[in-house]
């Protein structure tokens, strides 16, 4: 074997060290513009998960808000609808079982006093006045006290149609501009920027005499483009925007799942209904409707008390007897006094007490 002299050995070692330094420097230079396609896809899906999680969290603050607002509106419409029938029922009880004296000049009075007034007018020969009073008692006051509140029921349609108009205007103008603008403008723009940057890396690699790096960068192009289109880009606040599922607007999914439903809900709040976007709740609206249904109608006790008062006032019998009559146990005692009421036929009296009428 031929032994190397110390000078040759030192030169060879220096050459090897110099070559390794060049390789390390070259590797550093390559990492500056050669991407990692696998990491790009990992980042894409991780970022997509974070964006979806953020949107889900924001959605939970106002879940299905447009549907909630529609439900709140109809609960309010239901309260109004029931309220009109309550007004009619209270009007009927107040009029037919009332004791307000009849005043010809002011045309004020309950049902029984009006009948008495008609009989009195007929007895003095004022037939025309009697007919007019009967008309007022039997028909006109019924229309005013009972039917008139029910006339307002069709008006419930007015806020419904107004909300349909508001919803149509918002959805076809603002919502469409936001959603389609993001889908057709922002997302393609993000993909175009990413494509340009990725292709620039491919060019730079080949221009630097690195075909392997150029090939790797070429493989990375789809991942970069998909990532940009899906997730968008970070804004100055570190929030992803302008992508298909970016967590904040402008973003297709953010517009579709958050901005549009919330904006629509704020546009269709019925007058006096619970405003969900302002802190109103369906539970309150439902509780209010239940309270209206259970408390607004005249109770059986009120009807009984009014009937008792009418009997006591116009039949001329004591309170105890009137109560017995109203309970159905003392109609025989009521019959003689009831004969003083105007308009009661012999057949009606006989139904109370056959002895009250003689042939």
Protein backbone atom coordinates (compact mmCIF):
# COMPACT_ATOMS: atom_id res chain seq x y z
CA UNK A 1 0.00 0.00 0.00
CA UNK A 2 1.12 3.54 -0.70
CA UNK A 3 1.14 5.75 2.35
CA UNK A 4 -0.12 9.31 1.98
CA UNK A 5 2.15 12.06 3.05
CA UNK A 6 0.85 14.40 5.76
CA UNK A 7 0.47 17.24 3.24
CA UNK A 8 -1.70 15.18 0.89
CA UNK A 9 -3.80 13.91 3.79
CA UNK A 10 -4.42 17.42 5.05
CA UNK A 11 -5.41 18.67 1.58
CA UNK A 12 -7.90 15.81 1.13
CA UNK A 13 -9.51 16.48 4.50
CA UNK A 14 -9.82 20.17 3.70
CA UNK A 15 -11.47 19.39 0.36
CA UNK A 16 -14.01 17.06 2.00
CA UNK A 17 -14.85 19.65 4.69
CA UNK A 18 -15.28 22.33 2.05
CA UNK A 19 -17.61 20.08 0.04
CA UNK A 20 -19.76 19.34 3.11
CA UNK A 21 -20.03 23.05 3.85
CA UNK A 22 -21.19 23.69 0.30
CA UNK A 23 -23.79 20.92 0.58
CA UNK A 24 -25.13 22.30 3.87
CA UNK A 25 -25.34 25.80 2.43
CA UNK A 26 -27.07 24.42 -0.64
CA UNK A 27 -29.59 22.58 1.55
CA UNK A 28 -30.38 25.79 3.42
CA UNK A 29 -30.87 27.63 0.15
CA UNK A 30 -33.23 24.92 -1.09
CA UNK A 31 -35.42 25.09 2.00
CA UNK A 32 -36.01 28.78 1.33
CA UNK A 33 -38.13 28.13 -1.72
CA UNK A 34 -38.92 24.38 -1.78
CA UNK A 35 -42.27 23.62 -0.14
CA UNK A 36 -43.41 20.53 1.74
CA UNK A 37 -46.56 19.23 0.00
CA UNK A 38 -47.45 16.89 2.86
CA UNK A 39 -47.26 19.68 5.43
CA UNK A 40 -49.35 21.90 3.18
CA UNK A 41 -52.22 19.39 3.21
CA UNK A 42 -51.86 18.88 6.96
CA UNK A 43 -52.06 22.65 7.50
CA UNK A 44 -55.05 22.86 5.16
CA UNK A 45 -57.15 20.37 7.10
CA UNK A 46 -56.05 21.66 10.51
CA UNK A 47 -56.98 25.21 9.54
CA UNK A 48 -60.27 24.03 8.06
CA UNK A 49 -61.11 22.34 11.36
CA UNK A 50 -60.34 25.50 13.31
CA UNK A 51 -62.47 27.60 10.96
CA UNK A 52 -65.42 25.22 11.22
CA UNK A 53 -65.10 25.12 15.00
CA UNK A 54 -65.09 28.92 15.18
CA UNK A 55 -68.18 29.18 12.98
CA UNK A 56 -69.96 26.53 15.06
CA UNK A 57 -69.18 28.49 18.23
CA UNK A 58 -70.53 31.69 16.71
CA UNK A 59 -73.61 29.84 15.48
CA UNK A 60 -74.41 28.61 19.00
CA UNK A 61 -74.80 32.21 20.17
CA UNK A 62 -77.90 32.54 17.94
CA UNK A 63 -78.85 29.02 16.78
CA UNK A 64 -81.37 28.92 13.93
CA UNK A 65 -82.11 32.55 14.68
CA UNK A 66 -84.33 33.19 11.64
CA UNK A 67 -86.52 30.20 12.52
CA UNK A 68 -86.67 31.36 16.13
CA UNK A 69 -87.79 34.83 15.04
CA UNK A 70 -90.50 33.40 12.79
CA UNK A 71 -91.75 31.26 15.69
CA UNK A 72 -91.68 34.27 18.03
CA UNK A 73 -93.69 36.26 15.49
CA UNK A 74 -96.38 33.59 15.21
CA UNK A 75 -96.61 33.21 18.97
CA UNK A 76 -97.29 36.95 19.08
CA UNK A 77 -99.86 36.62 16.29
CA UNK A 78 -101.47 33.86 18.34
CA UNK A 79 -101.65 36.13 21.37
CA UNK A 80 -103.30 38.84 19.27
CA UNK A 81 -105.71 36.32 17.73
CA UNK A 82 -106.79 35.01 21.12
CA UNK A 83 -107.00 38.56 22.46
CA UNK A 84 -109.62 39.52 19.89
CA UNK A 85 -111.85 36.62 20.95
CA UNK A 86 -111.31 37.57 24.57
CA UNK A 87 -112.45 41.10 23.82
CA UNK A 88 -115.57 39.71 22.14
CA UNK A 89 -116.30 37.36 25.06
CA UNK A 90 -115.82 40.12 27.64
CA UNK A 91 -117.97 42.43 25.56
CA UNK A 92 -120.75 39.84 25.41
CA UNK A 93 -120.69 39.23 29.16
CA UNK A 94 -120.54 42.93 29.93
CA UNK A 95 -123.43 43.76 27.60
CA UNK A 96 -125.85 40.84 27.98
CA UNK A 97 -125.27 40.42 31.72
CA UNK A 98 -124.75 44.09 32.51
CA UNK A 99 -126.95 46.43 34.56
CA UNK A 100 -126.14 49.82 33.01
CA UNK A 101 -129.43 51.79 32.81
CA UNK A 102 -130.68 52.63 29.35
CA UNK A 103 -130.42 56.32 28.37
CA UNK A 104 -132.29 57.21 25.20
CA UNK A 105 -130.38 60.45 24.63
CA UNK A 106 -126.89 58.99 24.98
CA UNK A 107 -127.87 55.54 23.65
CA UNK A 108 -126.07 53.87 26.55
CA UNK A 109 -127.32 50.81 28.37
CA UNK A 110 -127.07 47.07 28.84
CA UNK A 111 -129.22 44.45 27.15
CA UNK A 112 -132.03 44.02 29.72
CA UNK A 113 -132.41 47.79 30.38
CA UNK A 114 -132.71 48.35 26.62
CA UNK A 115 -135.48 45.74 26.39
CA UNK A 116 -137.25 47.49 29.25
CA UNK A 117 -136.86 50.79 27.42
CA UNK A 118 -138.39 49.32 24.27
CA UNK A 119 -141.40 48.00 26.22
CA UNK A 120 -141.87 51.38 27.90
CA UNK A 121 -141.79 53.19 24.55
CA UNK A 122 -144.33 50.79 23.10
CA UNK A 123 -146.63 51.24 26.08
CA UNK A 124 -146.78 55.02 25.52
CA UNK A 125 -147.44 54.59 21.81
CA UNK A 126 -143.93 55.35 20.54
CA UNK A 127 -143.78 52.32 18.26
CA UNK A 128 -141.06 53.79 16.05
CA UNK A 129 -138.88 54.46 19.08
CA UNK A 130 -139.55 50.98 20.43
CA UNK A 131 -138.47 49.38 17.15
CA UNK A 132 -135.32 51.51 17.10
CA UNK A 133 -134.49 50.55 20.68
CA UNK A 134 -135.05 46.87 19.93
CA UNK A 135 -132.79 47.17 16.89
CA UNK A 136 -130.10 48.74 19.04
CA UNK A 137 -130.51 46.09 21.73
CA UNK A 138 -130.70 43.02 19.51
CA UNK A 139 -128.36 43.88 16.66
CA UNK A 140 -126.41 47.12 16.77
CA UNK A 141 -124.95 46.62 20.24
CA UNK A 142 -124.13 43.02 19.37
CA UNK A 143 -122.11 44.27 16.42
CA UNK A 144 -120.35 46.92 18.50
CA UNK A 145 -119.72 44.89 21.66
CA UNK A 146 -119.15 41.40 20.26
CA UNK A 147 -118.54 41.38 16.52
CA UNK A 148 -116.43 44.52 16.23
CA UNK A 149 -113.38 43.13 18.11
CA UNK A 150 -113.41 40.14 15.74
CA UNK A 151 -113.13 42.47 12.75
CA UNK A 152 -109.49 43.05 13.68
CA UNK A 153 -108.49 39.41 13.16
CA UNK A 154 -107.75 39.79 9.41
CA UNK A 155 -105.37 42.63 10.27
CA UNK A 156 -102.93 40.01 11.58
CA UNK A 157 -102.11 39.36 7.92
CA UNK A 158 -100.66 42.88 7.55
CA UNK A 159 -97.43 42.39 9.56
CA UNK A 160 -97.04 38.94 8.00
CA UNK A 161 -97.10 40.33 4.47
CA UNK A 162 -94.86 43.22 5.54
CA UNK A 163 -92.32 40.75 6.90
CA UNK A 164 -92.50 38.73 3.70
CA UNK A 165 -91.65 41.90 1.81
CA UNK A 166 -88.78 42.69 4.19
CA UNK A 167 -87.45 39.15 3.92
CA UNK A 168 -87.65 39.19 0.13
CA UNK A 169 -85.86 42.52 -0.05
CA UNK A 170 -83.07 41.40 2.29
CA UNK A 171 -82.54 38.00 0.70
CA UNK A 172 -82.54 39.20 -2.89
CA UNK A 173 -80.34 42.24 -2.31
CA UNK A 174 -78.07 42.12 0.74
CA UNK A 175 -77.86 38.37 1.28
CA UNK A 176 -77.41 37.53 -2.38
CA UNK A 177 -74.73 40.19 -2.76
CA UNK A 178 -72.84 38.85 0.26
CA UNK A 179 -73.10 35.13 -0.48
CA UNK A 180 -72.62 35.22 -4.23
CA UNK A 181 -70.01 37.96 -3.99
CA UNK A 182 -67.94 35.82 -1.65
CA UNK A 183 -68.40 32.66 -3.69
CA UNK A 184 -67.79 34.21 -7.10
CA UNK A 185 -65.23 36.88 -6.21
CA UNK A 186 -63.39 36.39 -2.91
CA UNK A 187 -62.79 32.64 -3.15
CA UNK A 188 -61.52 32.71 -6.76
CA UNK A 189 -59.31 35.68 -5.92
CA UNK A 190 -57.70 33.79 -3.03
CA UNK A 191 -57.09 30.78 -5.27
CA UNK A 192 -55.60 33.00 -7.99
CA UNK A 193 -53.15 34.58 -5.54
CA UNK A 194 -52.12 31.19 -4.17
CA UNK A 195 -51.71 29.74 -7.66
CA UNK A 196 -49.50 32.64 -8.70
CA UNK A 197 -47.28 32.31 -5.64
CA UNK A 198 -47.00 28.52 -6.00
CA UNK A 199 -46.10 28.67 -9.69
CA UNK A 200 -43.54 31.36 -8.90
CA UNK A 201 -41.85 28.92 -6.52
CA UNK A 202 -41.79 26.28 -9.26
CA UNK A 203 -40.18 28.72 -11.65
CA UNK A 204 -37.63 29.88 -9.08
CA UNK A 205 -36.55 26.30 -8.39
CA UNK A 206 -35.98 25.43 -12.01
CA UNK A 207 -34.31 28.79 -12.66
CA UNK A 208 -31.90 28.08 -9.80
CA UNK A 209 -30.94 24.77 -11.39
CA UNK A 210 -32.89 22.67 -8.92
CA UNK A 211 -35.19 20.34 -10.88
CA UNK A 212 -35.95 18.26 -7.78
CA UNK A 213 -37.09 21.35 -5.89
CA UNK A 214 -39.09 22.45 -8.90
CA UNK A 215 -40.85 19.10 -9.03
CA UNK A 216 -41.63 19.22 -5.32
CA UNK A 217 -43.01 22.75 -5.65
CA UNK A 218 -45.13 21.61 -8.60
CA UNK A 219 -46.60 18.83 -6.47
CA UNK A 220 -47.36 21.42 -3.79
CA UNK A 221 -49.42 23.65 -6.13
CA UNK A 222 -52.80 21.88 -5.67
CA UNK A 223 -52.50 21.95 -1.88
CA UNK A 224 -51.68 25.64 -1.82
CA UNK A 225 -54.59 26.49 -4.12
CA UNK A 226 -57.09 24.33 -2.20
CA UNK A 227 -55.92 25.76 1.12
CA UNK A 228 -56.37 29.32 -0.08
CA UNK A 229 -59.78 28.67 -1.60
CA UNK A 230 -61.00 26.74 1.41
CA UNK A 231 -59.55 28.70 4.31
CA UNK A 232 -58.71 32.06 2.76
CA UNK A 233 -55.94 34.14 4.25
CA UNK A 234 -55.11 35.80 7.56
CA UNK A 235 -56.05 39.43 8.00
CA UNK A 236 -54.23 41.97 10.16
CA UNK A 237 -55.99 40.61 13.27
CA UNK A 238 -54.89 37.04 12.60
CA UNK A 239 -58.37 35.91 11.53
CA UNK A 240 -59.01 33.88 8.40
CA UNK A 241 -61.19 35.65 5.81
CA UNK A 242 -62.23 35.47 2.16
CA UNK A 243 -62.21 31.68 1.91
CA UNK A 244 -65.00 29.20 1.41
CA UNK A 245 -65.17 28.31 5.12
CA UNK A 246 -63.20 31.17 6.71
CA UNK A 247 -64.25 31.96 10.25
CA UNK A 248 -65.03 35.62 9.55
CA UNK A 249 -66.54 37.67 6.76
CA UNK A 250 -66.03 38.03 3.94
CA UNK A 251 -66.50 34.27 3.85
CA UNK A 252 -69.02 32.14 1.99
CA UNK A 253 -69.90 29.90 4.95
CA UNK A 254 -69.83 32.76 7.44
CA UNK A 255 -72.23 34.75 5.28
CA UNK A 256 -74.44 31.72 4.74
CA UNK A 257 -74.58 30.38 8.31
CA UNK A 258 -74.17 33.53 10.41
CA UNK A 259 -74.58 36.89 8.70
CA UNK A 260 -77.58 36.07 6.51
CA UNK A 261 -79.78 34.35 9.15
CA UNK A 262 -79.00 37.01 11.74
CA UNK A 263 -79.61 39.84 9.30
CA UNK A 264 -82.85 38.25 8.13
CA UNK A 265 -84.05 37.78 11.71
CA UNK A 266 -83.52 41.45 12.47
CA UNK A 267 -85.55 42.43 9.40
CA UNK A 268 -88.66 40.35 10.13
CA UNK A 269 -89.45 41.21 13.75
CA UNK A 270 -93.22 41.66 14.05
CA UNK A 271 -94.47 44.72 15.98
CA UNK A 272 -94.38 44.00 19.73
CA UNK A 273 -93.02 40.47 19.16
CA UNK A 274 -89.94 39.12 20.93
CA UNK A 275 -86.77 40.28 19.14
CA UNK A 276 -84.44 37.28 19.28
CA UNK A 277 -81.37 39.21 18.11
CA UNK A 278 -81.93 41.79 20.87
CA UNK A 279 -82.19 39.26 23.67
CA UNK A 280 -85.81 38.14 23.30
CA UNK A 281 -86.68 34.49 23.81
CA UNK A 282 -89.15 31.92 22.56
CA UNK A 283 -89.81 30.72 26.10
CA UNK A 284 -91.04 34.17 27.11
CA UNK A 285 -93.25 34.43 24.02
CA UNK A 286 -94.72 30.99 24.72
CA UNK A 287 -95.29 31.83 28.36
CA UNK A 288 -97.00 35.08 27.41
CA UNK A 289 -99.34 33.27 25.02
CA UNK A 290 -100.18 30.74 27.72
CA UNK A 291 -100.92 33.55 30.17
CA UNK A 292 -103.17 35.28 27.64
CA UNK A 293 -105.12 32.09 26.97
CA UNK A 294 -105.64 31.27 30.64
CA UNK A 295 -106.36 34.71 32.09
CA UNK A 296 -108.00 36.87 29.45
CA UNK A 297 -111.39 35.19 29.05
CA UNK A 298 -114.23 35.90 31.49
CA UNK A 299 -114.12 33.23 34.18
CA UNK A 300 -117.18 31.15 35.15
CA UNK A 301 -117.21 33.05 38.44
CA UNK A 302 -117.47 36.38 36.63
CA UNK A 303 -120.29 35.06 34.43
CA UNK A 304 -122.10 33.69 37.47
CA UNK A 305 -121.71 36.91 39.45
CA UNK A 306 -122.97 39.03 36.55
CA UNK A 307 -125.94 36.72 36.01
CA UNK A 308 -126.72 36.83 39.71
CA UNK A 309 -126.57 40.62 39.66
CA UNK A 310 -128.94 40.82 36.69
CA UNK A 311 -131.44 38.51 38.37
CA UNK A 312 -131.25 40.41 41.65
CA UNK A 313 -131.54 43.80 39.93
CA UNK A 314 -134.36 43.16 37.47
CA UNK A 315 -136.29 40.25 38.95
CA UNK A 316 -136.73 41.94 42.31
CA UNK A 317 -135.76 38.93 44.44
CA UNK A 318 -133.33 38.69 47.37
CA UNK A 319 -129.71 37.75 46.79
CA UNK A 320 -130.10 34.29 48.35
CA UNK A 321 -133.04 33.42 46.13
CA UNK A 322 -131.24 34.83 43.10
CA UNK A 323 -128.24 32.65 43.87
CA UNK A 324 -130.46 29.58 44.17
CA UNK A 325 -132.13 30.43 40.88
CA UNK A 326 -128.82 30.98 39.13
CA UNK A 327 -127.63 27.60 40.41
CA UNK A 328 -130.67 25.96 38.82
CA UNK A 329 -132.24 24.87 42.13
CA UNK A 330 -134.76 27.62 42.62
CA UNK A 331 -136.31 28.53 39.30
CA UNK A 332 -139.76 27.96 40.72
CA UNK A 333 -139.12 30.73 43.21
CA UNK A 334 -137.84 32.93 40.39
CA UNK A 335 -140.86 32.58 38.13
CA UNK A 336 -143.26 35.00 39.86
CA UNK A 337 -140.67 37.74 40.02
CA UNK A 338 -139.49 37.03 36.48
CA UNK A 339 -142.96 37.79 35.19
CA UNK A 340 -142.10 41.43 35.72
CA UNK A 341 -139.33 41.22 33.13
CA UNK A 342 -140.35 42.49 29.72
CA UNK A 343 -140.69 40.11 26.82
CA UNK A 344 -141.07 36.85 28.79
CA UNK A 345 -143.86 34.75 27.33
CA UNK A 346 -146.23 32.54 29.20
CA UNK A 347 -144.45 29.49 27.86
CA UNK A 348 -141.17 30.66 29.33
CA UNK A 349 -142.76 31.32 32.70
CA UNK A 350 -144.47 27.94 32.66
CA UNK A 351 -141.12 26.32 32.08
CA UNK A 352 -139.99 27.73 35.42
CA UNK A 353 -143.19 26.99 37.31
CA UNK A 354 -146.36 25.57 35.72
CA UNK A 355 -148.42 27.18 38.46
CA UNK A 356 -147.20 30.61 37.41
CA UNK A 357 -149.42 30.55 34.33
CA UNK A 358 -153.12 29.74 34.28
CA UNK A 359 -155.21 28.89 31.28
